Amino acid sequence: MTALTPRTRPTQEAALRLQLHAREDYSRVRIEAFIRARFAAIHSAWIDDFLPTLISTQTTSQQIHAAAGFQWASENPLFLESYLDLPIEGRLRQLGQGSAQRSQIVEFGNLATGRPGAIRQLILVLANYFGRRGMDWAVLTLTPTLINSFSRLGLVLVPLAAARPERLQASTSYWGSYYDLNPQVVAINLPANQPRLQMLESLGVRRPTSTTPLLPMERINETSLFH
């Protein structure tokens, strides 16, 4: 198990900032282009499916290190539910994961990175944030390499299903070689993993520069990941 001390990354990493990108945000075009470019470079894919809110880590000179998207299960059907035979909360209950509630589930997706380790750090920051704010589950689709990476860090992931391209009836994306990697749908029990997430969180980022709240306004009105 790898032990990390919070906020011990080099100065270059400490200069990163998080920025949120809602659908109407002008900065979103650039983030979508980054995600498309990374999928094209790595998988020869063309991505046209994006989650409602995107988030990126950038340097002060606006160099993008990583990007991801998220959405609430209570507000939209989840993209990864295409891979499941049951709604996400039903699949978790089927696997004996308590009385999972849709209102307590958040999906991460559109994972793209321009440098090693950056997407892992972004997922850790998001998982820690949503866990501290009372969410029970983060669900996402990961390649075996990322799954092994998180497992080595001591996080417990719950496997839900294999991600099969034939299940994506409504997708307008061309996925290239992505599915050759055998991606898997997994869940992170945020309360159970919270002590480990807090120890692993190490990105010294600034508060988001967008006014878009990470949580819906009726739940909490704030934008900072670290307050």
Protein backbone atom coordinates (compact mmCIF):
# COMPACT_ATOMS: atom_id res chain seq x y z
CA MET A 1 0.00 0.00 0.00
CA THR A 2 1.43 3.34 -1.01
CA ALA A 3 1.48 5.99 1.72
CA LEU A 4 1.11 9.61 0.70
CA THR A 5 1.14 12.69 2.87
CA PRO A 6 -1.46 15.34 1.89
CA ARG A 7 -0.21 18.37 -0.01
CA THR A 8 3.34 17.18 -0.60
CA ARG A 9 3.35 17.47 -4.38
CA PRO A 10 6.04 19.54 -6.12
CA THR A 11 5.59 23.26 -6.61
CA GLN A 12 4.58 22.76 -10.24
CA GLU A 13 1.58 20.66 -9.15
CA ALA A 14 0.71 23.12 -6.37
CA ALA A 15 0.20 25.78 -9.02
CA LEU A 16 -2.73 23.86 -10.52
CA ARG A 17 -6.26 25.15 -10.24
CA LEU A 18 -9.64 23.50 -10.70
CA GLN A 19 -12.14 25.03 -13.08
CA LEU A 20 -15.77 24.03 -13.61
CA HIS A 21 -17.40 24.12 -17.03
CA ALA A 22 -21.22 24.05 -17.22
CA ARG A 23 -23.01 23.52 -20.53
CA GLU A 24 -23.40 27.27 -21.09
CA ASP A 25 -19.82 28.13 -20.07
CA TYR A 26 -17.73 29.51 -22.95
CA SER A 27 -14.65 27.74 -21.59
CA ARG A 28 -16.31 24.35 -22.07
CA VAL A 29 -15.55 24.26 -25.80
CA ARG A 30 -11.83 24.11 -25.06
CA ILE A 31 -12.26 21.32 -22.49
CA GLU A 32 -14.40 19.23 -24.83
CA ALA A 33 -11.73 19.70 -27.50
CA PHE A 34 -9.07 18.49 -25.04
CA ILE A 35 -11.09 15.36 -24.19
CA ARG A 36 -11.70 14.65 -27.88
CA ALA A 37 -8.03 15.12 -28.70
CA ARG A 38 -6.86 12.74 -25.96
CA PHE A 39 -9.33 10.01 -26.98
CA ALA A 40 -8.33 10.49 -30.61
CA ALA A 41 -4.62 10.28 -29.82
CA ILE A 42 -4.88 7.24 -27.55
CA HIS A 43 -7.82 5.28 -28.99
CA SER A 44 -8.36 6.75 -32.50
CA ALA A 45 -11.81 7.69 -31.20
CA TRP A 46 -14.22 10.58 -31.77
CA ILE A 47 -16.11 11.50 -28.59
CA ASP A 48 -19.45 13.28 -28.79
CA ASP A 49 -20.94 12.24 -25.42
CA PHE A 50 -20.21 14.69 -22.60
CA LEU A 51 -21.57 14.84 -19.07
CA PRO A 52 -23.50 17.97 -17.98
CA THR A 53 -20.65 19.49 -15.96
CA LEU A 54 -16.99 19.20 -16.87
CA ILE A 55 -14.07 19.96 -14.57
CA SER A 56 -10.41 20.47 -15.39
CA THR A 57 -7.06 20.95 -13.71
CA GLN A 58 -5.03 23.70 -15.37
CA THR A 59 -1.86 25.64 -14.74
CA THR A 60 -1.99 29.40 -14.30
CA SER A 61 -1.01 29.64 -17.97
CA GLN A 62 -4.12 27.56 -18.84
CA GLN A 63 -2.29 24.38 -19.79
CA ILE A 64 -4.75 21.53 -19.19
CA HIS A 65 -3.43 18.61 -17.16
CA ALA A 66 -6.63 16.56 -16.85
CA ALA A 67 -10.37 16.78 -17.41
CA ALA A 68 -13.43 14.84 -16.32
CA GLY A 69 -17.19 15.20 -16.13
CA PHE A 70 -19.80 14.47 -13.49
CA GLN A 71 -23.57 14.26 -13.12
CA TRP A 72 -26.12 13.39 -10.44
CA ALA A 73 -28.07 10.15 -10.68
CA SER A 74 -31.06 12.00 -9.20
CA GLU A 75 -31.16 14.44 -12.12
CA ASN A 76 -30.32 12.40 -15.24
CA PRO A 77 -30.01 8.82 -16.45
CA LEU A 78 -26.34 7.97 -16.07
CA PHE A 79 -24.24 7.29 -19.16
CA LEU A 80 -22.82 4.13 -17.58
CA GLU A 81 -26.31 2.78 -16.88
CA SER A 82 -26.29 1.76 -20.55
CA TYR A 83 -23.94 -1.03 -19.48
CA LEU A 84 -26.22 -2.28 -16.68
CA ASP A 85 -29.34 -4.43 -16.66
CA LEU A 86 -30.70 -2.50 -13.67
CA PRO A 87 -30.69 1.16 -12.63
CA ILE A 88 -27.50 1.99 -10.78
CA GLU A 89 -29.11 1.90 -7.33
CA GLY A 90 -30.71 -1.46 -8.15
CA ARG A 91 -27.38 -2.93 -9.23
CA LEU A 92 -25.71 -1.79 -6.01
CA ARG A 93 -28.50 -3.33 -3.93
CA GLN A 94 -28.31 -6.53 -5.97
CA LEU A 95 -24.66 -6.82 -4.98
CA GLY A 96 -25.49 -6.41 -1.30
CA GLN A 97 -24.33 -2.81 -1.02
CA GLY A 98 -27.02 -1.70 1.41
CA SER A 99 -30.04 0.41 0.56
CA ALA A 100 -28.34 2.54 -2.11
CA GLN A 101 -30.35 5.66 -2.94
CA ARG A 102 -30.25 7.37 -6.32
CA SER A 103 -30.07 10.78 -4.65
CA GLN A 104 -26.72 9.79 -3.11
CA ILE A 105 -24.96 8.68 -6.30
CA VAL A 106 -22.72 10.75 -8.59
CA GLU A 107 -21.20 9.61 -11.89
CA PHE A 108 -17.70 10.54 -13.09
CA GLY A 109 -16.84 10.24 -16.78
CA ASN A 110 -15.10 11.86 -19.78
CA LEU A 111 -11.77 11.05 -18.13
CA ALA A 112 -8.86 12.51 -20.10
CA THR A 113 -5.30 13.40 -19.19
CA GLY A 114 -2.30 15.07 -20.75
CA ARG A 115 0.27 13.70 -18.29
CA PRO A 116 0.80 10.58 -16.15
CA GLY A 117 -1.08 10.50 -12.86
CA ALA A 118 -3.13 13.66 -13.48
CA ILE A 119 -6.50 11.95 -13.98
CA ARG A 120 -5.97 9.78 -10.92
CA GLN A 121 -5.33 12.89 -8.83
CA LEU A 122 -8.43 14.60 -10.22
CA ILE A 123 -10.64 11.59 -9.40
CA LEU A 124 -9.22 11.47 -5.87
CA VAL A 125 -9.99 15.16 -5.33
CA LEU A 126 -13.56 14.76 -6.63
CA ALA A 127 -14.24 11.58 -4.65
CA ASN A 128 -12.95 13.17 -1.45
CA TYR A 129 -15.00 16.31 -2.04
CA PHE A 130 -18.28 14.51 -2.73
CA GLY A 131 -17.68 12.14 0.17
CA ARG A 132 -17.19 15.04 2.57
CA ARG A 133 -20.44 16.55 1.27
CA GLY A 134 -22.49 13.50 2.17
CA MET A 135 -22.66 11.53 -1.08
CA ASP A 136 -22.54 7.75 -0.64
CA TRP A 137 -21.35 6.50 -4.03
CA ALA A 138 -19.21 7.61 -6.96
CA VAL A 139 -19.61 5.41 -10.04
CA LEU A 140 -17.38 5.45 -13.10
CA THR A 141 -15.96 3.39 -15.94
CA LEU A 142 -12.25 2.60 -15.66
CA THR A 143 -9.68 0.64 -17.62
CA PRO A 144 -7.96 -2.23 -15.77
CA THR A 145 -4.80 -0.11 -15.51
CA LEU A 146 -6.61 2.61 -13.55
CA ILE A 147 -8.45 0.05 -11.45
CA ASN A 148 -5.14 -1.51 -10.43
CA SER A 149 -3.71 1.94 -9.75
CA PHE A 150 -6.50 2.82 -7.32
CA SER A 151 -6.33 -0.61 -5.69
CA ARG A 152 -2.61 -0.14 -5.03
CA LEU A 153 -3.47 3.12 -3.28
CA GLY A 154 -5.69 1.19 -0.88
CA LEU A 155 -9.10 2.19 -2.26
CA VAL A 156 -11.83 -0.46 -2.35
CA LEU A 157 -13.70 -0.52 -5.67
CA VAL A 158 -16.93 -2.46 -6.18
CA PRO A 159 -17.11 -4.05 -9.68
CA LEU A 160 -20.54 -3.58 -11.26
CA ALA A 161 -20.29 -4.78 -14.87
CA ALA A 162 -18.11 -4.99 -17.94
CA ALA A 163 -18.51 -1.97 -20.23
CA ARG A 164 -19.66 -3.37 -23.58
CA PRO A 165 -19.87 -1.14 -26.67
CA GLU A 166 -22.94 -2.94 -28.03
CA ARG A 167 -24.91 -1.58 -25.06
CA LEU A 168 -24.47 2.04 -26.24
CA GLN A 169 -27.52 2.26 -28.49
CA ALA A 170 -27.93 6.04 -28.09
CA SER A 171 -24.26 7.04 -28.30
CA THR A 172 -23.16 9.16 -31.26
CA SER A 173 -19.47 8.69 -30.45
CA TYR A 174 -16.97 6.54 -32.31
CA TRP A 175 -14.91 4.77 -29.67
CA GLY A 176 -12.03 3.43 -31.75
CA SER A 177 -9.90 0.97 -29.78
CA TYR A 178 -11.13 2.07 -26.33
CA TYR A 179 -13.13 -1.09 -25.67
CA ASP A 180 -10.15 -3.27 -26.55
CA LEU A 181 -8.89 -2.33 -23.07
CA ASN A 182 -11.85 -4.13 -21.42
CA PRO A 183 -13.10 -1.18 -19.33
CA GLN A 184 -15.18 -1.97 -16.25
CA VAL A 185 -17.98 -0.13 -14.45
CA VAL A 186 -17.03 0.27 -10.79
CA ALA A 187 -18.35 2.03 -7.71
CA ILE A 188 -16.55 3.73 -4.83
CA ASN A 189 -18.26 3.65 -1.44
CA LEU A 190 -17.32 7.17 -0.38
CA PRO A 191 -17.98 6.93 3.39
CA ALA A 192 -16.08 3.63 3.61
CA ASN A 193 -13.12 5.02 1.67
CA GLN A 194 -13.18 8.51 3.20
CA PRO A 195 -10.20 8.12 5.59
CA ARG A 196 -8.03 6.88 2.73
CA LEU A 197 -9.31 9.55 0.35
CA GLN A 198 -8.47 12.31 2.82
CA MET A 199 -4.93 11.01 3.19
CA LEU A 200 -4.43 10.65 -0.56
CA GLU A 201 -5.79 14.06 -1.52
CA SER A 202 -2.67 16.04 -2.34
CA LEU A 203 -3.41 18.47 -5.17
CA GLY A 204 -2.72 22.00 -3.99
CA VAL A 205 -5.31 23.58 -6.27
CA ARG A 206 -7.09 26.88 -6.03
CA ARG A 207 -10.83 27.27 -5.72
CA PRO A 208 -12.74 26.85 -9.00
CA THR A 209 -12.82 29.97 -11.14
CA SER A 210 -16.35 29.21 -12.37
CA THR A 211 -19.39 30.26 -10.33
CA THR A 212 -21.03 26.93 -11.13
CA PRO A 213 -21.66 25.08 -7.83
CA LEU A 214 -20.39 21.53 -7.55
CA LEU A 215 -23.53 20.57 -5.68
CA PRO A 216 -27.06 21.56 -6.76
CA MET A 217 -28.20 24.84 -5.24
CA GLU A 218 -30.90 23.18 -3.16
CA ARG A 219 -28.26 21.05 -1.43
CA ILE A 220 -25.40 23.45 -0.84
CA ASN A 221 -24.33 26.80 -2.24
CA GLU A 222 -20.57 26.82 -2.63
CA THR A 223 -17.89 26.29 -5.21
CA SER A 224 -14.77 25.52 -3.22
CA LEU A 225 -13.49 21.96 -3.13
CA PHE A 226 -11.54 22.54 0.03
CA HIS A 227 -13.79 24.42 2.47
